[in-house]
PDB file of N, CA and C in Angstrom:
ATOM      1  N   UNK A   1       2.814  30.283  14.995  1.00  0.00           N
ATOM      2  CA  UNK A   1       1.651  29.719  14.391  1.00  0.00           C
ATOM      3  C   UNK A   1       0.538  29.129  15.854  1.00  0.00           C
ATOM      4  N   UNK A   2      -0.342  29.713  15.294  1.00  0.00           N
ATOM      5  CA  UNK A   2      -1.362  29.621  17.062  1.00  0.00           C
ATOM      6  C   UNK A   2      -2.016  28.324  17.130  1.00  0.00           C
ATOM      7  N   UNK A   3      -1.985  27.516  17.621  1.00  0.00           N
ATOM      8  CA  UNK A   3      -2.524  25.723  17.941  1.00  0.00           C
ATOM      9  C   UNK A   3      -4.101  25.749  18.940  1.00  0.00           C
ATOM     10  N   UNK A   4      -4.163  27.176  19.624  1.00  0.00           N
ATOM     11  CA  UNK A   4      -5.337  26.996  20.357  1.00  0.00           C
ATOM     12  C   UNK A   4      -6.685  26.966  19.637  1.00  0.00           C
ATOM     13  N   UNK A   5      -7.117  26.188  19.632  1.00  0.00           N
ATOM     14  CA  UNK A   5      -8.377  26.447  18.945  1.00  0.00           C
ATOM     15  C   UNK A   5      -9.813  26.077  19.833  1.00  0.00           C
ATOM     16  N   UNK A   6      -9.666  26.846  20.957  1.00  0.00           N
ATOM     17  CA  UNK A   6     -10.642  27.032  21.973  1.00  0.00           C
ATOM     18  C   UNK A   6     -11.690  25.731  22.225  1.00  0.00           C
ATOM     19  N   UNK A   7     -12.499  25.811  22.251  1.00  0.00           N
ATOM     20  CA  UNK A   7     -13.700  24.881  22.675  1.00  0.00           C
ATOM     21  C   UNK A   7     -14.258  23.810  21.301  1.00  0.00           C
ATOM     22  N   UNK A   8     -13.095  23.985  20.568  1.00  0.00           N
ATOM     23  CA  UNK A   8     -13.162  23.285  19.143  1.00  0.00           C
ATOM     24  C   UNK A   8     -11.833  22.533  19.037  1.00  0.00           C
ATOM     25  N   UNK A   9     -10.987  22.418  19.713  1.00  0.00           N
ATOM     26  CA  UNK A   9      -9.660  21.999  20.548  1.00  0.00           C
ATOM     27  C   UNK A   9     -10.129  20.210  19.741  1.00  0.00           C
ATOM     28  N   UNK A  10     -10.980  19.629  20.580  1.00  0.00           N
ATOM     29  CA  UNK A  10     -11.020  18.333  20.739  1.00  0.00           C
ATOM     30  C   UNK A  10     -11.720  17.854  19.124  1.00  0.00           C
ATOM     31  N   UNK A  11     -12.658  18.742  18.333  1.00  0.00           N
ATOM     32  CA  UNK A  11     -13.022  18.221  17.480  1.00  0.00           C
ATOM     33  C   UNK A  11     -11.580  18.379  16.445  1.00  0.00           C
ATOM     34  N   UNK A  12     -11.246  19.287  16.550  1.00  0.00           N
ATOM     35  CA  UNK A  12     -10.191  19.426  15.511  1.00  0.00           C
ATOM     36  C   UNK A  12      -8.544  18.596  15.231  1.00  0.00           C
ATOM     37  N   UNK A  13      -8.468  18.683  16.827  1.00  0.00           N
ATOM     38  CA  UNK A  13      -7.126  17.320  16.597  1.00  0.00           C
ATOM     39  C   UNK A  13      -7.851  16.359  16.669  1.00  0.00           C
ATOM     40  N   UNK A  14      -8.893  16.130  16.620  1.00  0.00           N
ATOM     41  CA  UNK A  14      -9.967  14.275  16.406  1.00  0.00           C
ATOM     42  C   UNK A  14      -9.569  14.331  14.837  1.00  0.00           C
ATOM     43  N   UNK A  15     -10.065  15.363  14.331  1.00  0.00           N
ATOM     44  CA  UNK A  15     -10.075  15.488  12.597  1.00  0.00           C
ATOM     45  C   UNK A  15      -8.664  14.904  12.291  1.00  0.00           C
ATOM     46  N   UNK A  16      -8.002  15.597  13.174  1.00  0.00           N
ATOM     47  CA  UNK A  16      -6.242  15.686  12.318  1.00  0.00           C
ATOM     48  C   UNK A  16      -5.725  14.209  12.651  1.00  0.00           C
ATOM     49  N   UNK A  17      -5.980  13.505  13.702  1.00  0.00           N
ATOM     50  CA  UNK A  17      -6.022  12.297  13.718  1.00  0.00           C
ATOM     51  C   UNK A  17      -6.811  11.234  13.009  1.00  0.00           C
ATOM     52  N   UNK A  18      -7.810  11.158  12.853  1.00  0.00           N
ATOM     53  CA  UNK A  18      -8.377  10.368  12.058  1.00  0.00           C
ATOM     54  C   UNK A  18      -7.785  10.615  10.403  1.00  0.00           C
ATOM     55  N   UNK A  19      -7.628  11.439   9.757  1.00  0.00           N
ATOM     56  CA  UNK A  19      -6.981  11.754   8.825  1.00  0.00           C
ATOM     57  C   UNK A  19      -5.741  10.896   8.704  1.00  0.00           C
ATOM     58  N   UNK A  20      -4.833  11.331   9.865  1.00  0.00           N
ATOM     59  CA  UNK A  20      -3.462  10.912   9.774  1.00  0.00           C
ATOM     60  C   UNK A  20      -3.407   9.301   9.787  1.00  0.00           C
ATOM     61  N   UNK A  21      -4.473   8.672  10.446  1.00  0.00           N
ATOM     62  CA  UNK A  21      -4.494   7.273  10.713  1.00  0.00           C
ATOM     63  C   UNK A  21      -5.156   7.146   9.279  1.00  0.00           C
ATOM     64  N   UNK A  22      -6.122   7.860   8.305  1.00  0.00           N
ATOM     65  CA  UNK A  22      -6.424   7.111   7.388  1.00  0.00           C
ATOM     66  C   UNK A  22      -5.085   7.356   6.238  1.00  0.00           C
ATOM     67  N   UNK A  23      -4.698   8.304   6.246  1.00  0.00           N
ATOM     68  CA  UNK A  23      -3.410   8.373   5.165  1.00  0.00           C
ATOM     69  C   UNK A  23      -2.584   7.359   5.763  1.00  0.00           C
ATOM     70  N   UNK A  24      -2.356   7.218   6.638  1.00  0.00           N
ATOM     71  CA  UNK A  24      -0.896   6.100   7.157  1.00  0.00           C
ATOM     72  C   UNK A  24      -1.630   4.352   6.842  1.00  0.00           C
ATOM     73  N   UNK A  25      -2.724   4.191   7.060  1.00  0.00           N
ATOM     74  CA  UNK A  25      -3.655   3.099   6.677  1.00  0.00           C
ATOM     75  C   UNK A  25      -3.328   2.771   5.243  1.00  0.00           C
ATOM     76  N   UNK A  26      -3.778   3.841   4.194  1.00  0.00           N
ATOM     77  CA  UNK A  26      -4.001   3.664   3.345  1.00  0.00           C
ATOM     78  C   UNK A  26      -2.260   3.346   2.500  1.00  0.00           C
ATOM     79  N   UNK A  27      -1.497   3.878   3.524  1.00  0.00           N
ATOM     80  CA  UNK A  27      -0.105   3.979   2.793  1.00  0.00           C
ATOM     81  C   UNK A  27       0.515   2.468   2.972  1.00  0.00           C
ATOM     82  N   UNK A  28       0.083   2.038   4.096  1.00  0.00           N
ATOM     83  CA  UNK A  28       0.411   0.545   4.415  1.00  0.00           C
ATOM     84  C   UNK A  28      -0.061  -0.106   3.465  1.00  0.00           C
ATOM     85  N   UNK A  29      -1.578  -0.282   3.248  1.00  0.00           N
ATOM     86  CA  UNK A  29      -2.342  -0.812   2.518  1.00  0.00           C
ATOM     87  C   UNK A  29      -1.629  -0.722   1.122  1.00  0.00           C
ATOM     88  N   UNK A  30      -1.200   0.225   0.555  1.00  0.00           N
ATOM     89  CA  UNK A  30      -0.785   0.380  -0.775  1.00  0.00           C
ATOM     90  C   UNK A  30       0.500  -0.561  -1.212  1.00  0.00           C
ATOM     91  N   UNK A  31       1.109  -0.387   0.193  1.00  0.00           N
ATOM     92  CA  UNK A  31       2.590  -0.897   0.308  1.00  0.00           C
ATOM     93  C   UNK A  31       2.474  -2.507   0.200  1.00  0.00           C
ATOM     94  N   UNK A  32       1.636  -3.172   0.481  1.00  0.00           N
ATOM     95  CA  UNK A  32       1.383  -4.250   1.286  1.00  0.00           C
ATOM     96  C   UNK A  32       1.021  -5.214  -0.311  1.00  0.00           C
ATOM     97  N   UNK A  33      -0.160  -4.538  -0.516  1.00  0.00           N
ATOM     98  CA  UNK A  33      -0.426  -4.717  -2.338  1.00  0.00           C
ATOM     99  C   UNK A  33       0.298  -4.858  -3.216  1.00  0.00           C
ATOM    100  N   UNK A  34       1.192  -3.750  -3.667  1.00  0.00           N
ATOM    101  CA  UNK A  34       2.119  -3.670  -4.219  1.00  0.00           C
ATOM    102  C   UNK A  34       3.150  -5.085  -4.122  1.00  0.00           C
ATOM    103  N   UNK A  35       3.562  -5.215  -3.126  1.00  0.00           N
ATOM    104  CA  UNK A  35       4.679  -5.923  -2.912  1.00  0.00           C
ATOM    105  C   UNK A  35       3.782  -7.626  -3.390  1.00  0.00           C
ATOM    106  N   UNK A  36       2.754  -7.692  -2.864  1.00  0.00           N
ATOM    107  CA  UNK A  36       2.078  -8.758  -3.157  1.00  0.00           C
ATOM    108  C   UNK A  36       1.649  -9.212  -4.644  1.00  0.00           C
ATOM    109  N   UNK A  37       1.752  -7.981  -5.084  1.00  0.00           N
ATOM    110  CA  UNK A  37       1.293  -8.317  -7.032  1.00  0.00           C
ATOM    111  C   UNK A  37       2.643  -8.469  -7.401  1.00  0.00           C
ATOM    112  N   UNK A  38       4.182  -8.025  -6.956  1.00  0.00           N
ATOM    113  CA  UNK A  38       4.886  -8.063  -7.730  1.00  0.00           C
ATOM    114  C   UNK A  38       5.533  -9.488  -7.306  1.00  0.00           C
ATOM    115  N   UNK A  39       5.218  -9.945  -6.299  1.00  0.00           N
ATOM    116  CA  UNK A  39       5.477 -11.263  -6.052  1.00  0.00           C
ATOM    117  C   UNK A  39       5.004 -12.319  -7.117  1.00  0.00           C
ATOM    118  N   UNK A  40       3.451 -12.334  -7.272  1.00  0.00           N
ATOM    119  CA  UNK A  40       2.955 -12.558  -8.204  1.00  0.00           C
ATOM    120  C   UNK A  40       3.212 -12.383  -9.493  1.00  0.00           C
ATOM    121  N   UNK A  41       3.512 -11.396  -9.985  1.00  0.00           N
ATOM    122  CA  UNK A  41       4.261 -11.241 -11.505  1.00  0.00           C
ATOM    123  C   UNK A  41       5.427 -11.837 -11.657  1.00  0.00           C
ATOM    124  N   UNK A  42       6.647 -11.954 -10.297  1.00  0.00           N
ATOM    125  CA  UNK A  42       7.657 -12.261 -10.697  1.00  0.00           C
ATOM    126  C   UNK A  42       7.165 -13.983 -11.194  1.00  0.00           C
ATOM    127  N   UNK A  43       6.309 -14.514 -10.288  1.00  0.00           N
ATOM    128  CA  UNK A  43       5.872 -16.359 -10.054  1.00  0.00           C
ATOM    129  C   UNK A  43       5.244 -16.373 -11.384  1.00  0.00           C
ATOM    130  N   UNK A  44       4.575 -15.510 -12.126  1.00  0.00           N
ATOM    131  CA  UNK A  44       3.983 -15.567 -13.463  1.00  0.00           C
ATOM    132  C   UNK A  44       5.072 -15.674 -14.501  1.00  0.00           C
ATOM    133  N   UNK A  45       6.214 -14.476 -14.250  1.00  0.00           N
ATOM    134  CA  UNK A  45       7.117 -14.303 -15.151  1.00  0.00           C
ATOM    135  C   UNK A  45       8.077 -15.725 -15.398  1.00  0.00           C
ATOM    136  N   UNK A  46       8.264 -16.445 -14.012  1.00  0.00           N
ATOM    137  CA  UNK A  46       9.307 -17.810 -14.051  1.00  0.00           C
ATOM    138  C   UNK A  46       8.342 -18.481 -14.483  1.00  0.00           C
ATOM    139  N   UNK A  47       6.981 -19.100 -14.310  1.00  0.00           N
ATOM    140  CA  UNK A  47       6.356 -19.834 -14.847  1.00  0.00           C
ATOM    141  C   UNK A  47       6.247 -19.951 -16.689  1.00  0.00           C
ATOM    142  N   UNK A  48       6.209 -18.415 -17.076  1.00  0.00           N
ATOM    143  CA  UNK A  48       6.258 -18.220 -18.715  1.00  0.00           C
ATOM    144  C   UNK A  48       7.346 -18.796 -18.961  1.00  0.00           C
ATOM    145  N   UNK A  49       8.998 -18.344 -18.207  1.00  0.00           N
ATOM    146  CA  UNK A  49       9.802 -18.760 -18.869  1.00  0.00           C
ATOM    147  C   UNK A  49      10.397 -20.261 -18.947  1.00  0.00           C
ATOM    148  N   UNK A  50       9.629 -20.769 -17.772  1.00  0.00           N
ATOM    149  CA  UNK A  50       9.803 -22.196 -17.762  1.00  0.00           C
ATOM    150  C   UNK A  50       8.757 -22.918 -19.191  1.00  0.00           C
ATOM    151  N   UNK A  51       7.832 -22.535 -19.507  1.00  0.00           N
ATOM    152  CA  UNK A  51       6.972 -22.869 -20.273  1.00  0.00           C
ATOM    153  C   UNK A  51       7.864 -22.980 -21.670  1.00  0.00           C
ATOM    154  N   UNK A  52       8.269 -22.021 -21.779  1.00  0.00           N
ATOM    155  CA  UNK A  52       9.040 -21.271 -22.834  1.00  0.00           C
ATOM    156  C   UNK A  52      10.351 -21.996 -22.933  1.00  0.00           C
ATOM    157  N   UNK A  53      10.924 -22.779 -21.771  1.00  0.00           N
ATOM    158  CA  UNK A  53      11.893 -23.597 -21.860  1.00  0.00           C
ATOM    159  C   UNK A  53      11.832 -24.932 -22.681  1.00  0.00           C
ATOM    160  N   UNK A  54      10.415 -25.084 -22.167  1.00  0.00           N
ATOM    161  CA  UNK A  54      10.097 -26.458 -22.507  1.00  0.00           C
ATOM    162  C   UNK A  54       9.738 -27.040 -23.981  1.00  0.00           C
ATOM    163  N   UNK A  55       9.245 -25.913 -24.219  1.00  0.00           N
ATOM    164  CA  UNK A  55       8.818 -26.043 -25.906  1.00  0.00           C
ATOM    165  C   UNK A  55       9.968 -25.680 -26.827  1.00  0.00           C
ATOM    166  N   UNK A  56      10.898 -25.138 -26.428  1.00  0.00           N
ATOM    167  CA  UNK A  56      12.298 -25.162 -26.747  1.00  0.00           C
ATOM    168  C   UNK A  56      13.030 -26.308 -26.864  1.00  0.00           C
ATOM    169  N   UNK A  57      12.958 -27.055 -25.719  1.00  0.00           N
ATOM    170  CA  UNK A  57      13.844 -28.806 -25.713  1.00  0.00           C
ATOM    171  C   UNK A  57      12.881 -29.560 -26.337  1.00  0.00           C
ATOM    172  N   UNK A  58      11.412 -29.555 -26.705  1.00  0.00           N
ATOM    173  CA  UNK A  58      10.886 -30.323 -27.451  1.00  0.00           C
ATOM    174  C   UNK A  58      10.925 -30.303 -29.040  1.00  0.00           C
TER     175      UNK A  58
END
């Protein structure tokens, strides 16, 4: 495989670098958002279960 891009090497490798940073950033943001939403869902489920338990006891 030929990685010699001549006078366009800076542009080509720069584009690869920017693309890699963008993909890594999107992956990190997606994982963080997923964890946050999973924690919120768990809290809501616990709240709902507690409310149901109160209604049954009443």
